[in-house]
């Protein structure tokens, strides 16, 4: 029991250290600042990896586990990228120097494997050309597509799983429409009132379903679908109760982990004034 308590205390402290950085990362639009924040998150995570009894993947799952002692909303995807940034760049100063003028975090994400993955085999000159592409551009989409073609030419993707790309489209369409309504509500209302787009009970049900879909592992605890009345939430709950591969397919083609966790956070604030204000501040900062 002492070890369990010690592990819980360790995780709570780690989440407390990472959460302000996660919130800052989500609020800023500055691409270089995002990478700087991620480097710092990676540094903290690296220390934690070296000083705990969890394996690396298990630790990432524990940090954002919605069923854990403390809900962090810090996704494995963000933590994993942050750790890789820390391991590949010696300091924040190096990041400032290499990516001076970068205005698109999306392009950095697209270019990151080319710059750091040895399997792509780029030499220093080629890497500098990639950096020049993402820091001096006229169209994000054009550069993004060019980077994708470069990666595909070097490491062709065999048998891409695109046959089920239309799976879950109906659920995703409903979820997107509802999320847009919720975001619009947050933008219009400085405080909670009675006209929230979804009632408290449905908000709680949907929140739990979204968190379950975001969790990339099979768990024994399943959602009791028979108690859910809303047809669309019930369909999403079926995905949440499905195999890891099916949930991963939904996250890949429809809503990624960050989007699921962010929407769950909005729903979690439906009856809490302080949480509502905090979430609204983050939404308003992303205009």
C-alpha atoms as a PDB file:
ATOM      1  CA  UNK A   1       0.000   0.000   0.000  1.00  0.00           C
ATOM      2  CA  UNK A   2       2.874   2.385   0.736  1.00  0.00           C
ATOM      3  CA  UNK A   3       4.273   1.852  -2.765  1.00  0.00           C
ATOM      4  CA  UNK A   4       0.852   2.554  -4.295  1.00  0.00           C
ATOM      5  CA  UNK A   5       0.530   5.758  -2.282  1.00  0.00           C
ATOM      6  CA  UNK A   6       4.068   6.784  -3.194  1.00  0.00           C
ATOM      7  CA  UNK A   7       3.346   6.181  -6.889  1.00  0.00           C
ATOM      8  CA  UNK A   8       0.115   8.189  -6.637  1.00  0.00           C
ATOM      9  CA  UNK A   9       1.932  11.067  -4.940  1.00  0.00           C
ATOM     10  CA  UNK A  10       4.624  10.930  -7.613  1.00  0.00           C
ATOM     11  CA  UNK A  11       2.032  11.100 -10.409  1.00  0.00           C
ATOM     12  CA  UNK A  12       0.085  13.941  -8.785  1.00  0.00           C
ATOM     13  CA  UNK A  13       3.300  15.961  -8.364  1.00  0.00           C
ATOM     14  CA  UNK A  14       4.328  15.234 -11.958  1.00  0.00           C
ATOM     15  CA  UNK A  15       0.913  16.284 -13.277  1.00  0.00           C
ATOM     16  CA  UNK A  16       1.059  19.450 -11.162  1.00  0.00           C
ATOM     17  CA  UNK A  17       4.440  20.260 -12.732  1.00  0.00           C
ATOM     18  CA  UNK A  18       3.278  19.581 -16.294  1.00  0.00           C
ATOM     19  CA  UNK A  19      -0.223  21.096 -16.215  1.00  0.00           C
ATOM     20  CA  UNK A  20       0.758  24.817 -16.272  1.00  0.00           C
ATOM     21  CA  UNK A  21       2.994  24.128 -19.258  1.00  0.00           C
ATOM     22  CA  UNK A  22       0.257  22.128 -20.964  1.00  0.00           C
ATOM     23  CA  UNK A  23      -2.192  24.996 -20.440  1.00  0.00           C
ATOM     24  CA  UNK A  24       0.314  27.527 -21.743  1.00  0.00           C
ATOM     25  CA  UNK A  25       1.024  25.337 -24.779  1.00  0.00           C
ATOM     26  CA  UNK A  26      -2.663  25.078 -25.598  1.00  0.00           C
ATOM     27  CA  UNK A  27      -3.215  28.830 -25.283  1.00  0.00           C
ATOM     28  CA  UNK A  28      -0.313  30.163 -27.313  1.00  0.00           C
ATOM     29  CA  UNK A  29      -0.369  30.582 -31.077  1.00  0.00           C
ATOM     30  CA  UNK A  30       3.365  31.248 -31.325  1.00  0.00           C
ATOM     31  CA  UNK A  31       4.934  28.233 -33.052  1.00  0.00           C
ATOM     32  CA  UNK A  32       8.434  28.631 -31.585  1.00  0.00           C
ATOM     33  CA  UNK A  33       7.003  29.184 -28.113  1.00  0.00           C
ATOM     34  CA  UNK A  34       5.035  25.945 -28.462  1.00  0.00           C
ATOM     35  CA  UNK A  35       8.242  24.053 -29.231  1.00  0.00           C
ATOM     36  CA  UNK A  36      10.052  25.758 -26.339  1.00  0.00           C
ATOM     37  CA  UNK A  37       7.270  24.717 -23.955  1.00  0.00           C
ATOM     38  CA  UNK A  38       7.378  21.171 -25.300  1.00  0.00           C
ATOM     39  CA  UNK A  39      11.132  21.021 -24.735  1.00  0.00           C
ATOM     40  CA  UNK A  40      10.573  21.970 -21.101  1.00  0.00           C
ATOM     41  CA  UNK A  41       7.796  19.394 -20.733  1.00  0.00           C
ATOM     42  CA  UNK A  42      10.143  16.839 -22.247  1.00  0.00           C
ATOM     43  CA  UNK A  43      12.852  17.767 -19.757  1.00  0.00           C
ATOM     44  CA  UNK A  44      10.485  17.267 -16.811  1.00  0.00           C
ATOM     45  CA  UNK A  45       9.220  14.008 -18.274  1.00  0.00           C
ATOM     46  CA  UNK A  46      12.760  12.764 -18.851  1.00  0.00           C
ATOM     47  CA  UNK A  47      13.606  13.282 -15.188  1.00  0.00           C
ATOM     48  CA  UNK A  48      10.421  11.445 -14.225  1.00  0.00           C
ATOM     49  CA  UNK A  49      11.236   8.543 -16.551  1.00  0.00           C
ATOM     50  CA  UNK A  50      14.599   8.127 -14.856  1.00  0.00           C
ATOM     51  CA  UNK A  51      13.171   8.311 -11.329  1.00  0.00           C
ATOM     52  CA  UNK A  52      10.091   6.097 -11.205  1.00  0.00           C
ATOM     53  CA  UNK A  53       9.104   2.449 -11.343  1.00  0.00           C
ATOM     54  CA  UNK A  54       6.834   2.774 -14.390  1.00  0.00           C
ATOM     55  CA  UNK A  55       7.827   1.906 -17.916  1.00  0.00           C
ATOM     56  CA  UNK A  56       7.866   4.803 -20.395  1.00  0.00           C
ATOM     57  CA  UNK A  57       4.590   3.956 -22.168  1.00  0.00           C
ATOM     58  CA  UNK A  58       2.881   3.107 -18.888  1.00  0.00           C
ATOM     59  CA  UNK A  59       3.933   6.446 -17.407  1.00  0.00           C
ATOM     60  CA  UNK A  60       2.448   8.363 -20.355  1.00  0.00           C
ATOM     61  CA  UNK A  61      -0.809   6.469 -19.970  1.00  0.00           C
ATOM     62  CA  UNK A  62      -0.885   7.104 -16.229  1.00  0.00           C
ATOM     63  CA  UNK A  63      -0.433  10.843 -16.676  1.00  0.00           C
ATOM     64  CA  UNK A  64      -3.592  11.334 -18.742  1.00  0.00           C
ATOM     65  CA  UNK A  65      -5.590   8.324 -17.520  1.00  0.00           C
ATOM     66  CA  UNK A  66      -9.141   9.683 -16.990  1.00  0.00           C
ATOM     67  CA  UNK A  67      -9.694   6.947 -14.404  1.00  0.00           C
ATOM     68  CA  UNK A  68      -6.625   7.881 -12.374  1.00  0.00           C
ATOM     69  CA  UNK A  69      -6.403   9.835  -9.143  1.00  0.00           C
ATOM     70  CA  UNK A  70      -6.078  13.151 -10.952  1.00  0.00           C
ATOM     71  CA  UNK A  71      -7.320  14.077 -14.437  1.00  0.00           C
ATOM     72  CA  UNK A  72      -4.619  15.948 -16.339  1.00  0.00           C
ATOM     73  CA  UNK A  73      -5.916  16.374 -19.924  1.00  0.00           C
ATOM     74  CA  UNK A  74      -2.275  15.999 -20.997  1.00  0.00           C
ATOM     75  CA  UNK A  75      -2.270  13.657 -23.980  1.00  0.00           C
ATOM     76  CA  UNK A  76       0.247  10.911 -24.677  1.00  0.00           C
ATOM     77  CA  UNK A  77       0.786  12.406 -28.124  1.00  0.00           C
ATOM     78  CA  UNK A  78       1.913  15.745 -26.704  1.00  0.00           C
ATOM     79  CA  UNK A  79       4.113  14.111 -24.057  1.00  0.00           C
ATOM     80  CA  UNK A  80       5.718  11.768 -26.549  1.00  0.00           C
ATOM     81  CA  UNK A  81       6.530  14.593 -28.963  1.00  0.00           C
ATOM     82  CA  UNK A  82       7.787  16.759 -26.101  1.00  0.00           C
ATOM     83  CA  UNK A  83      10.149  14.032 -24.940  1.00  0.00           C
ATOM     84  CA  UNK A  84      11.494  13.512 -28.453  1.00  0.00           C
ATOM     85  CA  UNK A  85      12.037  17.262 -28.852  1.00  0.00           C
ATOM     86  CA  UNK A  86      13.998  17.312 -25.599  1.00  0.00           C
ATOM     87  CA  UNK A  87      16.126  14.347 -26.692  1.00  0.00           C
ATOM     88  CA  UNK A  88      16.862  15.821 -30.120  1.00  0.00           C
ATOM     89  CA  UNK A  89      17.627  19.427 -29.207  1.00  0.00           C
ATOM     90  CA  UNK A  90      20.286  20.224 -26.635  1.00  0.00           C
ATOM     91  CA  UNK A  91      18.665  23.402 -25.353  1.00  0.00           C
ATOM     92  CA  UNK A  92      15.924  25.955 -25.892  1.00  0.00           C
ATOM     93  CA  UNK A  93      18.569  28.239 -27.381  1.00  0.00           C
ATOM     94  CA  UNK A  94      19.201  25.678 -30.135  1.00  0.00           C
ATOM     95  CA  UNK A  95      15.488  25.673 -30.921  1.00  0.00           C
ATOM     96  CA  UNK A  96      15.431  29.477 -31.062  1.00  0.00           C
ATOM     97  CA  UNK A  97      18.378  29.470 -33.468  1.00  0.00           C
ATOM     98  CA  UNK A  98      17.199  26.685 -35.786  1.00  0.00           C
ATOM     99  CA  UNK A  99      13.569  27.719 -36.051  1.00  0.00           C
ATOM    100  CA  UNK A 100      13.871  31.468 -36.023  1.00  0.00           C
ATOM    101  CA  UNK A 101      10.981  32.896 -38.017  1.00  0.00           C
ATOM    102  CA  UNK A 102       8.807  29.759 -37.768  1.00  0.00           C
ATOM    103  CA  UNK A 103       5.134  30.702 -37.738  1.00  0.00           C
ATOM    104  CA  UNK A 104       3.426  27.327 -38.307  1.00  0.00           C
ATOM    105  CA  UNK A 105       3.553  24.611 -35.654  1.00  0.00           C
ATOM    106  CA  UNK A 106       1.721  22.324 -38.105  1.00  0.00           C
ATOM    107  CA  UNK A 107       4.668  22.469 -40.496  1.00  0.00           C
ATOM    108  CA  UNK A 108       7.104  21.760 -37.676  1.00  0.00           C
ATOM    109  CA  UNK A 109       5.136  18.621 -36.782  1.00  0.00           C
ATOM    110  CA  UNK A 110       5.154  17.532 -40.407  1.00  0.00           C
ATOM    111  CA  UNK A 111       8.886  18.151 -40.765  1.00  0.00           C
ATOM    112  CA  UNK A 112       9.956  16.746 -37.385  1.00  0.00           C
ATOM    113  CA  UNK A 113      10.427  13.114 -38.559  1.00  0.00           C
ATOM    114  CA  UNK A 114      12.573  14.259 -41.489  1.00  0.00           C
ATOM    115  CA  UNK A 115      14.752  16.294 -39.142  1.00  0.00           C
ATOM    116  CA  UNK A 116      15.175  13.725 -36.372  1.00  0.00           C
ATOM    117  CA  UNK A 117      14.431  10.209 -37.629  1.00  0.00           C
ATOM    118  CA  UNK A 118      17.613   8.537 -38.855  1.00  0.00           C
ATOM    119  CA  UNK A 119      15.572   6.194 -41.054  1.00  0.00           C
ATOM    120  CA  UNK A 120      14.944   9.089 -43.445  1.00  0.00           C
ATOM    121  CA  UNK A 121      18.702   9.561 -43.814  1.00  0.00           C
ATOM    122  CA  UNK A 122      18.777  13.301 -44.492  1.00  0.00           C
ATOM    123  CA  UNK A 123      22.195  14.944 -44.313  1.00  0.00           C
ATOM    124  CA  UNK A 124      22.788  18.329 -42.679  1.00  0.00           C
ATOM    125  CA  UNK A 125      22.319  20.228 -45.941  1.00  0.00           C
ATOM    126  CA  UNK A 126      18.998  18.507 -46.638  1.00  0.00           C
ATOM    127  CA  UNK A 127      17.800  19.196 -43.108  1.00  0.00           C
ATOM    128  CA  UNK A 128      18.626  22.879 -43.550  1.00  0.00           C
ATOM    129  CA  UNK A 129      16.561  22.876 -46.740  1.00  0.00           C
ATOM    130  CA  UNK A 130      13.619  21.395 -44.825  1.00  0.00           C
ATOM    131  CA  UNK A 131      13.983  24.041 -42.103  1.00  0.00           C
ATOM    132  CA  UNK A 132      14.074  26.742 -44.791  1.00  0.00           C
ATOM    133  CA  UNK A 133      10.859  25.309 -46.264  1.00  0.00           C
ATOM    134  CA  UNK A 134       8.935  25.534 -42.997  1.00  0.00           C
ATOM    135  CA  UNK A 135      10.237  28.934 -41.911  1.00  0.00           C
ATOM    136  CA  UNK A 136       9.808  30.748 -45.240  1.00  0.00           C
ATOM    137  CA  UNK A 137       6.623  29.818 -47.084  1.00  0.00           C
ATOM    138  CA  UNK A 138       3.605  31.300 -48.826  1.00  0.00           C
ATOM    139  CA  UNK A 139       1.205  28.415 -48.282  1.00  0.00           C
ATOM    140  CA  UNK A 140       1.077  26.036 -45.297  1.00  0.00           C
ATOM    141  CA  UNK A 141      -0.907  23.474 -47.290  1.00  0.00           C
ATOM    142  CA  UNK A 142       1.563  23.447 -50.203  1.00  0.00           C
ATOM    143  CA  UNK A 143       4.575  22.982 -47.935  1.00  0.00           C
ATOM    144  CA  UNK A 144       2.762  20.363 -45.866  1.00  0.00           C
ATOM    145  CA  UNK A 145       1.955  18.355 -48.993  1.00  0.00           C
ATOM    146  CA  UNK A 146       5.528  18.689 -50.219  1.00  0.00           C
ATOM    147  CA  UNK A 147       6.852  17.357 -46.909  1.00  0.00           C
ATOM    148  CA  UNK A 148       4.415  14.431 -47.074  1.00  0.00           C
ATOM    149  CA  UNK A 149       5.615  13.596 -50.584  1.00  0.00           C
ATOM    150  CA  UNK A 150       9.227  13.722 -49.411  1.00  0.00           C
ATOM    151  CA  UNK A 151       8.519  11.258 -46.604  1.00  0.00           C
ATOM    152  CA  UNK A 152       6.508   9.000 -48.883  1.00  0.00           C
ATOM    153  CA  UNK A 153       9.316   8.982 -51.464  1.00  0.00           C
ATOM    154  CA  UNK A 154      11.909   7.981 -48.855  1.00  0.00           C
ATOM    155  CA  UNK A 155       9.745   5.590 -46.817  1.00  0.00           C
ATOM    156  CA  UNK A 156       6.720   4.486 -48.835  1.00  0.00           C
ATOM    157  CA  UNK A 157       3.741   3.530 -46.680  1.00  0.00           C
ATOM    158  CA  UNK A 158       2.701   0.017 -47.608  1.00  0.00           C
ATOM    159  CA  UNK A 159      -0.932  -1.017 -47.530  1.00  0.00           C
ATOM    160  CA  UNK A 160      -2.340   2.180 -45.967  1.00  0.00           C
ATOM    161  CA  UNK A 161      -5.470   1.484 -43.923  1.00  0.00           C
ATOM    162  CA  UNK A 162      -7.722   3.826 -45.848  1.00  0.00           C
ATOM    163  CA  UNK A 163     -10.464   1.330 -46.581  1.00  0.00           C
ATOM    164  CA  UNK A 164     -12.309   2.272 -43.385  1.00  0.00           C
ATOM    165  CA  UNK A 165     -11.771   6.004 -43.555  1.00  0.00           C
ATOM    166  CA  UNK A 166     -15.535   6.571 -43.792  1.00  0.00           C
ATOM    167  CA  UNK A 167     -16.222   4.464 -40.711  1.00  0.00           C
ATOM    168  CA  UNK A 168     -17.767   6.411 -37.838  1.00  0.00           C
ATOM    169  CA  UNK A 169     -18.498   9.422 -40.076  1.00  0.00           C
ATOM    170  CA  UNK A 170     -22.031   9.820 -38.727  1.00  0.00           C
ATOM    171  CA  UNK A 171     -20.820   9.799 -35.100  1.00  0.00           C
ATOM    172  CA  UNK A 172     -18.008  12.214 -35.901  1.00  0.00           C
ATOM    173  CA  UNK A 173     -20.333  14.588 -37.771  1.00  0.00           C
ATOM    174  CA  UNK A 174     -22.720  14.752 -34.806  1.00  0.00           C
ATOM    175  CA  UNK A 175     -19.839  15.209 -32.390  1.00  0.00           C
ATOM    176  CA  UNK A 176     -18.329  18.004 -34.493  1.00  0.00           C
ATOM    177  CA  UNK A 177     -21.638  19.873 -34.713  1.00  0.00           C
ATOM    178  CA  UNK A 178     -22.148  19.600 -30.957  1.00  0.00           C
ATOM    179  CA  UNK A 179     -18.590  20.683 -30.212  1.00  0.00           C
ATOM    180  CA  UNK A 180     -19.004  23.738 -32.445  1.00  0.00           C
ATOM    181  CA  UNK A 181     -22.194  24.655 -30.549  1.00  0.00           C
ATOM    182  CA  UNK A 182     -20.414  24.268 -27.218  1.00  0.00           C
ATOM    183  CA  UNK A 183     -17.461  26.374 -28.360  1.00  0.00           C
ATOM    184  CA  UNK A 184     -19.827  29.060 -29.643  1.00  0.00           C
ATOM    185  CA  UNK A 185     -21.619  29.018 -26.279  1.00  0.00           C
ATOM    186  CA  UNK A 186     -18.325  29.540 -24.442  1.00  0.00           C
ATOM    187  CA  UNK A 187     -17.474  32.460 -26.703  1.00  0.00           C
ATOM    188  CA  UNK A 188     -20.875  34.121 -26.233  1.00  0.00           C
ATOM    189  CA  UNK A 189     -21.223  33.658 -22.489  1.00  0.00           C
ATOM    190  CA  UNK A 190     -18.819  35.002 -19.905  1.00  0.00           C
ATOM    191  CA  UNK A 191     -20.463  32.791 -17.275  1.00  0.00           C
ATOM    192  CA  UNK A 192     -22.673  29.703 -17.129  1.00  0.00           C
ATOM    193  CA  UNK A 193     -26.401  30.033 -17.662  1.00  0.00           C
ATOM    194  CA  UNK A 194     -29.290  27.631 -18.273  1.00  0.00           C
ATOM    195  CA  UNK A 195     -28.959  27.454 -22.051  1.00  0.00           C
ATOM    196  CA  UNK A 196     -25.873  25.238 -22.278  1.00  0.00           C
ATOM    197  CA  UNK A 197     -26.208  23.173 -25.509  1.00  0.00           C
ATOM    198  CA  UNK A 198     -26.271  19.871 -23.605  1.00  0.00           C
ATOM    199  CA  UNK A 199     -27.765  19.005 -20.215  1.00  0.00           C
ATOM    200  CA  UNK A 200     -25.658  18.040 -17.210  1.00  0.00           C
ATOM    201  CA  UNK A 201     -26.528  14.340 -17.360  1.00  0.00           C
ATOM    202  CA  UNK A 202     -25.800  14.032 -21.083  1.00  0.00           C
ATOM    203  CA  UNK A 203     -22.643  16.130 -20.696  1.00  0.00           C
ATOM    204  CA  UNK A 204     -21.361  13.748 -18.020  1.00  0.00           C
ATOM    205  CA  UNK A 205     -22.208  10.686 -20.127  1.00  0.00           C
ATOM    206  CA  UNK A 206     -20.536  12.121 -23.220  1.00  0.00           C
ATOM    207  CA  UNK A 207     -17.482  13.229 -21.241  1.00  0.00           C
ATOM    208  CA  UNK A 208     -16.898   9.698 -19.945  1.00  0.00           C
ATOM    209  CA  UNK A 209     -17.371   8.260 -23.434  1.00  0.00           C
ATOM    210  CA  UNK A 210     -14.867  10.694 -24.973  1.00  0.00           C
ATOM    211  CA  UNK A 211     -12.289   9.932 -22.301  1.00  0.00           C
ATOM    212  CA  UNK A 212     -12.713   6.207 -22.868  1.00  0.00           C
ATOM    213  CA  UNK A 213     -12.186   6.607 -26.617  1.00  0.00           C
ATOM    214  CA  UNK A 214      -9.095   8.716 -25.943  1.00  0.00           C
ATOM    215  CA  UNK A 215      -7.630   5.974 -23.744  1.00  0.00           C
ATOM    216  CA  UNK A 216      -5.449   3.869 -26.043  1.00  0.00           C
ATOM    217  CA  UNK A 217      -5.616   0.609 -24.165  1.00  0.00           C
ATOM    218  CA  UNK A 218      -8.221  -2.020 -23.422  1.00  0.00           C
ATOM    219  CA  UNK A 219      -9.704  -1.863 -19.946  1.00  0.00           C
ATOM    220  CA  UNK A 220     -12.029  -4.276 -18.214  1.00  0.00           C
ATOM    221  CA  UNK A 221     -14.473  -1.575 -17.134  1.00  0.00           C
ATOM    222  CA  UNK A 222     -17.022  -0.951 -19.880  1.00  0.00           C
ATOM    223  CA  UNK A 223     -19.708   1.696 -20.279  1.00  0.00           C
ATOM    224  CA  UNK A 224     -23.209   0.402 -19.591  1.00  0.00           C
ATOM    225  CA  UNK A 225     -24.822   1.241 -22.926  1.00  0.00           C
ATOM    226  CA  UNK A 226     -28.278   0.173 -21.747  1.00  0.00           C
ATOM    227  CA  UNK A 227     -28.418   3.211 -19.454  1.00  0.00           C
ATOM    228  CA  UNK A 228     -27.702   5.686 -22.257  1.00  0.00           C
ATOM    229  CA  UNK A 229     -30.796   7.115 -23.934  1.00  0.00           C
ATOM    230  CA  UNK A 230     -29.215   9.455 -26.467  1.00  0.00           C
ATOM    231  CA  UNK A 231     -28.721   7.553 -29.749  1.00  0.00           C
ATOM    232  CA  UNK A 232     -25.522   9.304 -30.813  1.00  0.00           C
ATOM    233  CA  UNK A 233     -23.862   9.035 -27.406  1.00  0.00           C
ATOM    234  CA  UNK A 234     -24.818   5.359 -27.382  1.00  0.00           C
ATOM    235  CA  UNK A 235     -23.113   4.858 -30.754  1.00  0.00           C
ATOM    236  CA  UNK A 236     -19.988   6.611 -29.444  1.00  0.00           C
ATOM    237  CA  UNK A 237     -20.126   4.446 -26.308  1.00  0.00           C
ATOM    238  CA  UNK A 238     -20.001   1.373 -28.542  1.00  0.00           C
ATOM    239  CA  UNK A 239     -16.733   2.682 -29.959  1.00  0.00           C
ATOM    240  CA  UNK A 240     -15.460   3.372 -26.432  1.00  0.00           C
ATOM    241  CA  UNK A 241     -16.213  -0.246 -25.486  1.00  0.00           C
ATOM    242  CA  UNK A 242     -14.571  -1.661 -28.610  1.00  0.00           C
ATOM    243  CA  UNK A 243     -11.065  -2.950 -29.191  1.00  0.00           C
ATOM    244  CA  UNK A 244      -8.039  -0.683 -28.959  1.00  0.00           C
ATOM    245  CA  UNK A 245      -7.636  -0.885 -32.744  1.00  0.00           C
ATOM    246  CA  UNK A 246     -11.163   0.412 -33.355  1.00  0.00           C
ATOM    247  CA  UNK A 247     -10.708   3.314 -30.962  1.00  0.00           C
ATOM    248  CA  UNK A 248      -7.384   4.106 -32.624  1.00  0.00           C
ATOM    249  CA  UNK A 249      -9.117   4.139 -36.011  1.00  0.00           C
ATOM    250  CA  UNK A 250     -11.654   6.678 -34.732  1.00  0.00           C
ATOM    251  CA  UNK A 251      -8.838   8.841 -33.354  1.00  0.00           C
ATOM    252  CA  UNK A 252      -6.882   8.601 -36.601  1.00  0.00           C
ATOM    253  CA  UNK A 253      -9.669   9.323 -39.083  1.00  0.00           C
ATOM    254  CA  UNK A 254     -12.206  11.346 -37.083  1.00  0.00           C
ATOM    255  CA  UNK A 255     -11.232  12.962 -33.748  1.00  0.00           C
ATOM    256  CA  UNK A 256      -7.674  12.812 -32.437  1.00  0.00           C
ATOM    257  CA  UNK A 257      -6.809  12.374 -28.768  1.00  0.00           C
ATOM    258  CA  UNK A 258      -6.216  16.076 -28.178  1.00  0.00           C
ATOM    259  CA  UNK A 259      -9.609  16.994 -29.650  1.00  0.00           C
ATOM    260  CA  UNK A 260     -11.365  14.347 -27.567  1.00  0.00           C
ATOM    261  CA  UNK A 261      -9.689  15.447 -24.338  1.00  0.00           C
ATOM    262  CA  UNK A 262     -10.294  19.127 -25.071  1.00  0.00           C
ATOM    263  CA  UNK A 263     -14.002  18.572 -25.709  1.00  0.00           C
ATOM    264  CA  UNK A 264     -14.224  16.435 -22.546  1.00  0.00           C
ATOM    265  CA  UNK A 265     -12.713  19.333 -20.620  1.00  0.00           C
ATOM    266  CA  UNK A 266     -15.399  21.689 -21.959  1.00  0.00           C
ATOM    267  CA  UNK A 267     -18.128  19.283 -20.865  1.00  0.00           C
ATOM    268  CA  UNK A 268     -16.518  18.782 -17.474  1.00  0.00           C
ATOM    269  CA  UNK A 269     -17.025  22.472 -16.714  1.00  0.00           C
ATOM    270  CA  UNK A 270     -20.772  22.418 -17.396  1.00  0.00           C
ATOM    271  CA  UNK A 271     -21.735  22.923 -13.724  1.00  0.00           C
ATOM    272  CA  UNK A 272     -18.605  24.445 -12.214  1.00  0.00           C
ATOM    273  CA  UNK A 273     -18.162  28.223 -12.401  1.00  0.00           C
ATOM    274  CA  UNK A 274     -14.392  28.223 -11.832  1.00  0.00           C
ATOM    275  CA  UNK A 275     -13.730  25.451 -14.347  1.00  0.00           C
ATOM    276  CA  UNK A 276     -15.985  27.179 -16.865  1.00  0.00           C
ATOM    277  CA  UNK A 277     -14.060  30.437 -16.540  1.00  0.00           C
ATOM    278  CA  UNK A 278     -10.714  28.631 -16.906  1.00  0.00           C
ATOM    279  CA  UNK A 279     -11.815  26.722 -20.021  1.00  0.00           C
ATOM    280  CA  UNK A 280     -13.354  29.853 -21.542  1.00  0.00           C
ATOM    281  CA  UNK A 281     -10.106  31.748 -21.108  1.00  0.00           C
ATOM    282  CA  UNK A 282      -8.283  29.083 -23.093  1.00  0.00           C
ATOM    283  CA  UNK A 283     -10.913  29.068 -25.844  1.00  0.00           C
ATOM    284  CA  UNK A 284     -10.927  32.867 -26.134  1.00  0.00           C
ATOM    285  CA  UNK A 285      -7.133  32.969 -26.328  1.00  0.00           C
ATOM    286  CA  UNK A 286      -7.245  30.765 -29.426  1.00  0.00           C
ATOM    287  CA  UNK A 287      -9.198  33.210 -31.582  1.00  0.00           C
END
